[in-house]
C-alpha atoms as a PDB file:
ATOM      1  CA  MET A   1    -191.762 119.151-128.654  1.00  0.00           C
ATOM      2  CA  ILE A   2    -193.544 118.302-125.314  1.00  0.00           C
ATOM      3  CA  ARG A   3    -197.046 116.935-125.737  1.00  0.00           C
ATOM      4  CA  ASP A   4    -199.550 114.762-123.895  1.00  0.00           C
ATOM      5  CA  ALA A   5    -198.855 111.014-124.352  1.00  0.00           C
ATOM      6  CA  ARG A   6    -201.238 108.934-126.475  1.00  0.00           C
ATOM      7  CA  LYS A   7    -202.337 105.302-126.363  1.00  0.00           C
ATOM      8  CA  GLU A   8    -200.315 104.639-129.526  1.00  0.00           C
ATOM      9  CA  ASP A   9    -197.116 105.674-127.700  1.00  0.00           C
ATOM     10  CA  ALA A  10    -197.242 102.518-125.543  1.00  0.00           C
ATOM     11  CA  LYS A  11    -194.611 100.523-127.520  1.00  0.00           C
ATOM     12  CA  ALA A  12    -192.120 103.362-127.384  1.00  0.00           C
ATOM     13  CA  ILE A  13    -192.849 104.383-123.789  1.00  0.00           C
ATOM     14  CA  ALA A  14    -192.786 100.922-122.124  1.00  0.00           C
ATOM     15  CA  PRO A  15    -189.019 100.388-122.612  1.00  0.00           C
ATOM     16  CA  LEU A  16    -188.322 103.774-121.084  1.00  0.00           C
ATOM     17  CA  ILE A  17    -190.262 102.854-117.952  1.00  0.00           C
ATOM     18  CA  LEU A  18    -188.574  99.425-117.843  1.00  0.00           C
ATOM     19  CA  VAL A  19    -185.186 101.119-117.487  1.00  0.00           C
ATOM     20  CA  ILE A  20    -186.303 102.704-114.248  1.00  0.00           C
ATOM     21  CA  LEU A  21    -187.943  99.485-112.994  1.00  0.00           C
ATOM     22  CA  GLN A  22    -184.742  97.639-113.622  1.00  0.00           C
ATOM     23  CA  ASP A  23    -182.697 100.203-111.869  1.00  0.00           C
ATOM     24  CA  MET A  24    -184.999  99.897-108.878  1.00  0.00           C
ATOM     25  CA  GLU A  25    -184.536  96.069-108.921  1.00  0.00           C
ATOM     26  CA  LEU A  26    -188.238  95.516-108.671  1.00  0.00           C
ATOM     27  CA  PRO A  27    -189.022  91.930-107.701  1.00  0.00           C
ATOM     28  CA  PHE A  28    -191.763  91.765-110.373  1.00  0.00           C
ATOM     29  CA  VAL A  29    -189.230  92.359-113.155  1.00  0.00           C
ATOM     30  CA  MET A  30    -186.847  89.873-111.704  1.00  0.00           C
ATOM     31  CA  GLN A  31    -189.533  87.243-111.399  1.00  0.00           C
ATOM     32  CA  TYR A  32    -191.521  87.647-114.707  1.00  0.00           C
ATOM     33  CA  GLY A  33    -188.704  89.008-116.941  1.00  0.00           C
ATOM     34  CA  VAL A  34    -188.451  91.782-119.487  1.00  0.00           C
ATOM     35  CA  GLU A  35    -191.001  90.507-122.012  1.00  0.00           C
ATOM     36  CA  GLN A  36    -193.791  89.990-119.505  1.00  0.00           C
ATOM     37  CA  THR A  37    -193.030  93.334-117.791  1.00  0.00           C
ATOM     38  CA  LEU A  38    -193.108  95.135-121.154  1.00  0.00           C
ATOM     39  CA  ALA A  39    -196.505  93.578-121.923  1.00  0.00           C
ATOM     40  CA  VAL A  40    -197.890  94.759-118.504  1.00  0.00           C
ATOM     41  CA  LEU A  41    -196.511  98.191-119.115  1.00  0.00           C
ATOM     42  CA  GLU A  42    -197.971  98.495-122.644  1.00  0.00           C
ATOM     43  CA  LYS A  43    -201.371  97.501-121.419  1.00  0.00           C
ATOM     44  CA  GLY A  44    -201.075  99.818-118.530  1.00  0.00           C
ATOM     45  CA  ILE A  45    -200.117 102.799-120.743  1.00  0.00           C
ATOM     46  CA  GLN A  46    -203.190 102.174-122.823  1.00  0.00           C
ATOM     47  CA  SER A  47    -205.456 102.047-119.758  1.00  0.00           C
ATOM     48  CA  GLU A  48    -207.328 105.018-118.434  1.00  0.00           C
ATOM     49  CA  ASP A  49    -206.351 105.173-114.800  1.00  0.00           C
ATOM     50  CA  TYR A  50    -203.300 103.017-114.088  1.00  0.00           C
ATOM     51  CA  ARG A  51    -200.116 104.537-112.544  1.00  0.00           C
ATOM     52  CA  TYR A  52    -198.577 104.510-116.126  1.00  0.00           C
ATOM     53  CA  SER A  53    -201.720 105.517-118.008  1.00  0.00           C
ATOM     54  CA  TYR A  54    -201.133 107.664-121.077  1.00  0.00           C
ATOM     55  CA  ARG A  55    -203.433 110.197-119.333  1.00  0.00           C
ATOM     56  CA  ARG A  56    -200.793 110.638-116.595  1.00  0.00           C
ATOM     57  CA  ALA A  57    -197.913 111.351-118.954  1.00  0.00           C
ATOM     58  CA  LEU A  58    -196.075 113.914-121.031  1.00  0.00           C
ATOM     59  CA  VAL A  59    -193.894 112.798-123.966  1.00  0.00           C
ATOM     60  CA  ALA A  60    -190.877 114.572-125.429  1.00  0.00           C
ATOM     61  CA  GLU A  61    -190.986 113.962-129.176  1.00  0.00           C
ATOM     62  CA  GLU A  62    -188.142 114.663-131.553  1.00  0.00           C
ATOM     63  CA  ASP A  63    -188.498 114.070-135.369  1.00  0.00           C
ATOM     64  CA  GLY A  64    -191.457 111.814-134.730  1.00  0.00           C
ATOM     65  CA  VAL A  65    -189.548 109.686-132.164  1.00  0.00           C
ATOM     66  CA  VAL A  66    -190.481 109.423-128.419  1.00  0.00           C
ATOM     67  CA  ALA A  67    -187.329 110.912-126.842  1.00  0.00           C
ATOM     68  CA  GLY A  68    -188.524 110.850-123.236  1.00  0.00           C
ATOM     69  CA  VAL A  69    -191.508 110.549-120.927  1.00  0.00           C
ATOM     70  CA  ALA A  70    -192.632 111.770-117.567  1.00  0.00           C
ATOM     71  CA  PHE A  71    -195.478 110.211-115.473  1.00  0.00           C
ATOM     72  CA  GLY A  72    -197.046 111.581-112.381  1.00  0.00           C
ATOM     73  CA  TYR A  73    -200.156 112.020-110.280  1.00  0.00           C
ATOM     74  CA  PRO A  74    -201.509 113.992-107.301  1.00  0.00           C
ATOM     75  CA  ASP A  75    -200.876 112.385-103.889  1.00  0.00           C
ATOM     76  CA  ARG A  76    -204.610 111.772-103.327  1.00  0.00           C
ATOM     77  CA  ASP A  77    -204.560 109.314-106.218  1.00  0.00           C
ATOM     78  CA  GLU A  78    -201.761 107.174-104.894  1.00  0.00           C
ATOM     79  CA  PRO A  79    -204.244 104.598-103.243  1.00  0.00           C
ATOM     80  CA  LEU A  80    -205.996 104.138-106.556  1.00  0.00           C
ATOM     81  CA  ILE A  81    -203.325 104.179-109.267  1.00  0.00           C
ATOM     82  CA  ASP A  82    -202.409 100.495-109.004  1.00  0.00           C
ATOM     83  CA  LEU A  83    -205.947  99.074-108.726  1.00  0.00           C
ATOM     84  CA  PRO A  84    -206.224  98.603-112.569  1.00  0.00           C
ATOM     85  CA  LEU A  85    -203.138  96.320-112.451  1.00  0.00           C
ATOM     86  CA  ALA A  86    -205.208  93.266-111.368  1.00  0.00           C
ATOM     87  CA  LYS A  87    -207.236  93.338-114.602  1.00  0.00           C
ATOM     88  CA  ILE A  88    -204.092  93.910-116.702  1.00  0.00           C
ATOM     89  CA  LEU A  89    -202.436  90.902-115.021  1.00  0.00           C
ATOM     90  CA  ALA A  90    -205.467  88.764-115.432  1.00  0.00           C
ATOM     91  CA  ASP A  91    -205.717  89.701-119.165  1.00  0.00           C
ATOM     92  CA  LEU A  92    -202.019  88.453-119.517  1.00  0.00           C
ATOM     93  CA  GLY A  93    -202.601  85.294-117.558  1.00  0.00           C
ATOM     94  CA  LEU A  94    -200.579  86.437-114.610  1.00  0.00           C
ATOM     95  CA  PRO A  95    -201.566  86.180-110.918  1.00  0.00           C
ATOM     96  CA  GLN A  96    -203.874  89.101-110.107  1.00  0.00           C
ATOM     97  CA  THR A  97    -202.254  89.401-106.644  1.00  0.00           C
ATOM     98  CA  GLU A  98    -198.915  90.535-108.022  1.00  0.00           C
ATOM     99  CA  ARG A  99    -197.803  94.151-107.490  1.00  0.00           C
ATOM    100  CA  LEU A 100    -195.052  96.293-109.103  1.00  0.00           C
ATOM    101  CA  PHE A 101    -194.955  98.655-106.181  1.00  0.00           C
ATOM    102  CA  THR A 102    -195.733  98.187-102.468  1.00  0.00           C
ATOM    103  CA  ASP A 103    -194.204 101.184-100.831  1.00  0.00           C
ATOM    104  CA  PRO A 104    -195.964 104.603-100.542  1.00  0.00           C
ATOM    105  CA  GLU A 105    -194.027 107.285-102.496  1.00  0.00           C
ATOM    106  CA  THR A 106    -195.913 110.564-102.182  1.00  0.00           C
ATOM    107  CA  PHE A 107    -195.737 113.175 -99.447  1.00  0.00           C
ATOM    108  CA  PRO A 108    -198.940 115.049 -98.591  1.00  0.00           C
ATOM    109  CA  ASN A 109    -200.261 117.900-100.848  1.00  0.00           C
ATOM    110  CA  GLU A 110    -198.075 117.302-103.802  1.00  0.00           C
ATOM    111  CA  TRP A 111    -198.209 116.363-107.419  1.00  0.00           C
ATOM    112  CA  TYR A 112    -195.728 113.426-107.538  1.00  0.00           C
ATOM    113  CA  LEU A 113    -193.320 112.794-110.474  1.00  0.00           C
ATOM    114  CA  ASP A 114    -193.434 109.051-110.478  1.00  0.00           C
ATOM    115  CA  THR A 115    -191.133 108.399-113.463  1.00  0.00           C
ATOM    116  CA  ILE A 116    -189.073 110.414-115.922  1.00  0.00           C
ATOM    117  CA  SER A 117    -186.899 108.629-118.475  1.00  0.00           C
ATOM    118  CA  VAL A 118    -184.991 109.773-121.602  1.00  0.00           C
ATOM    119  CA  ASN A 119    -184.416 107.423-124.557  1.00  0.00           C
ATOM    120  CA  ALA A 120    -180.619 106.644-124.603  1.00  0.00           C
ATOM    121  CA  ALA A 121    -180.312 108.076-128.128  1.00  0.00           C
ATOM    122  CA  PHE A 122    -181.434 111.489-126.835  1.00  0.00           C
ATOM    123  CA  ARG A 123    -179.581 111.744-123.516  1.00  0.00           C
ATOM    124  CA  GLY A 124    -177.444 114.878-122.933  1.00  0.00           C
ATOM    125  CA  GLN A 125    -179.731 116.942-125.261  1.00  0.00           C
ATOM    126  CA  GLY A 126    -181.851 118.661-122.502  1.00  0.00           C
ATOM    127  CA  ILE A 127    -184.920 116.374-122.884  1.00  0.00           C
ATOM    128  CA  GLY A 128    -185.113 115.679-119.147  1.00  0.00           C
ATOM    129  CA  THR A 129    -184.912 119.411-118.454  1.00  0.00           C
ATOM    130  CA  GLN A 130    -187.669 120.122-120.961  1.00  0.00           C
ATOM    131  CA  LEU A 131    -189.868 117.512-119.394  1.00  0.00           C
ATOM    132  CA  LEU A 132    -189.216 118.902-115.941  1.00  0.00           C
ATOM    133  CA  ALA A 133    -190.055 122.374-117.201  1.00  0.00           C
ATOM    134  CA  ALA A 134    -193.461 121.183-118.482  1.00  0.00           C
ATOM    135  CA  LEU A 135    -194.489 119.416-115.252  1.00  0.00           C
ATOM    136  CA  PRO A 136    -196.275 122.449-113.624  1.00  0.00           C
ATOM    137  CA  GLN A 137    -198.980 122.276-116.225  1.00  0.00           C
ATOM    138  CA  LEU A 138    -199.806 118.768-115.031  1.00  0.00           C
ATOM    139  CA  ALA A 139    -199.578 119.761-111.351  1.00  0.00           C
ATOM    140  CA  ARG A 140    -201.923 122.741-111.921  1.00  0.00           C
ATOM    141  CA  LYS A 141    -204.481 120.525-113.636  1.00  0.00           C
ATOM    142  CA  SER A 142    -204.582 118.567-110.349  1.00  0.00           C
ATOM    143  CA  HIS A 143    -204.859 121.856-108.348  1.00  0.00           C
ATOM    144  CA  GLN A 144    -201.404 121.213-106.770  1.00  0.00           C
ATOM    145  CA  ASN A 145    -198.747 123.874-106.247  1.00  0.00           C
ATOM    146  CA  VAL A 146    -196.014 121.593-105.136  1.00  0.00           C
ATOM    147  CA  ILE A 147    -194.236 118.933-107.278  1.00  0.00           C
ATOM    148  CA  GLY A 148    -192.496 116.052-105.429  1.00  0.00           C
ATOM    149  CA  LEU A 149    -190.166 113.306-106.571  1.00  0.00           C
ATOM    150  CA  SER A 150    -187.916 110.668-105.155  1.00  0.00           C
ATOM    151  CA  VAL A 151    -184.307 110.364-106.283  1.00  0.00           C
ATOM    152  CA  ASP A 152    -182.125 107.389-105.530  1.00  0.00           C
ATOM    153  CA  LYS A 153    -179.266 108.282-103.165  1.00  0.00           C
ATOM    154  CA  GLU A 154    -176.991 106.350-105.592  1.00  0.00           C
ATOM    155  CA  ASN A 155    -177.823 108.713-108.453  1.00  0.00           C
ATOM    156  CA  PRO A 156    -176.160 112.059-107.750  1.00  0.00           C
ATOM    157  CA  LYS A 157    -176.307 113.105-111.408  1.00  0.00           C
ATOM    158  CA  ALA A 158    -180.140 112.942-111.337  1.00  0.00           C
ATOM    159  CA  LYS A 159    -180.163 114.780-107.962  1.00  0.00           C
ATOM    160  CA  ARG A 160    -178.092 117.632-109.522  1.00  0.00           C
ATOM    161  CA  LEU A 161    -180.494 117.872-112.441  1.00  0.00           C
ATOM    162  CA  TYR A 162    -183.412 118.232-110.074  1.00  0.00           C
ATOM    163  CA  GLN A 163    -181.555 120.739-107.894  1.00  0.00           C
ATOM    164  CA  ARG A 164    -180.857 122.830-111.046  1.00  0.00           C
ATOM    165  CA  ALA A 165    -184.551 122.721-111.755  1.00  0.00           C
ATOM    166  CA  GLY A 166    -185.322 124.223-108.287  1.00  0.00           C
ATOM    167  CA  PHE A 167    -186.095 121.025-106.260  1.00  0.00           C
ATOM    168  CA  GLU A 168    -184.913 120.733-102.641  1.00  0.00           C
ATOM    169  CA  VAL A 169    -184.584 117.734-100.426  1.00  0.00           C
ATOM    170  CA  VAL A 170    -187.485 117.692 -97.862  1.00  0.00           C
ATOM    171  CA  GLY A 171    -187.278 114.041 -96.575  1.00  0.00           C
ATOM    172  CA  ARG A 172    -186.200 110.517 -97.091  1.00  0.00           C
ATOM    173  CA  ALA A 173    -187.955 107.378 -98.163  1.00  0.00           C
ATOM    174  CA  VAL A 174    -187.282 103.700 -98.804  1.00  0.00           C
ATOM    175  CA  ILE A 175    -188.749 102.359-102.042  1.00  0.00           C
ATOM    176  CA  SER A 176    -188.228  98.685-103.067  1.00  0.00           C
ATOM    177  CA  GLY A 177    -185.370  98.429-100.542  1.00  0.00           C
ATOM    178  CA  HIS A 178    -183.500 101.426-101.923  1.00  0.00           C
ATOM    179  CA  GLN A 179    -182.810 104.697-100.082  1.00  0.00           C
ATOM    180  CA  TYR A 180    -184.262 107.843-101.748  1.00  0.00           C
ATOM    181  CA  ASP A 181    -184.190 111.581-101.087  1.00  0.00           C
ATOM    182  CA  HIS A 182    -187.671 113.067-101.443  1.00  0.00           C
ATOM    183  CA  MET A 183    -187.440 116.477-103.237  1.00  0.00           C
ATOM    184  CA  GLN A 184    -190.006 119.138-103.802  1.00  0.00           C
ATOM    185  CA  LYS A 185    -190.420 122.289-105.760  1.00  0.00           C
ATOM    186  CA  LYS A 186    -193.117 124.967-105.192  1.00  0.00           C
ATOM    187  CA  ILE A 187    -194.720 126.277-108.397  1.00  0.00           C
ATOM    188  CA  HIS A 188    -196.696 129.516-108.875  1.00  0.00           C
END
């Protein structure tokens, strides 16, 4: 079942985001470690407006377990989504000047899929495909008719999944020192 994320999903969702952040080799994760990063993510998920707020997420749930998650936002929100991080960091006793992300990711006039991650116990069961199929409802809520995403050039399996879902490469980007293809899909 695909549903809106809830604050109480934070403990289950945070490790799914962490997998992506570790793959990206984000300096924050390397400097502060897994436990601190998970604490930041959990507080962020429970916040109202952060990049990883529950309000920006869909969850795939199987038998009461969070099987996957997808986060995103309209391009116009990108300058604002990381502002709540300073308070989260301060609450955890970390320097308020730290950032998880420093590179712009969105292209103009799109709803951007920031993160999609499937719990390892549920991989290969179509959870990612179900989450992708549900994204248009989030994009439409933001009055967007294009969904964009970035896929690591070193992850051809993910790129094939997105291509099967109708996404096409429209550009390139560098995020945290890694090369990405930027893909988009028009929705009706």
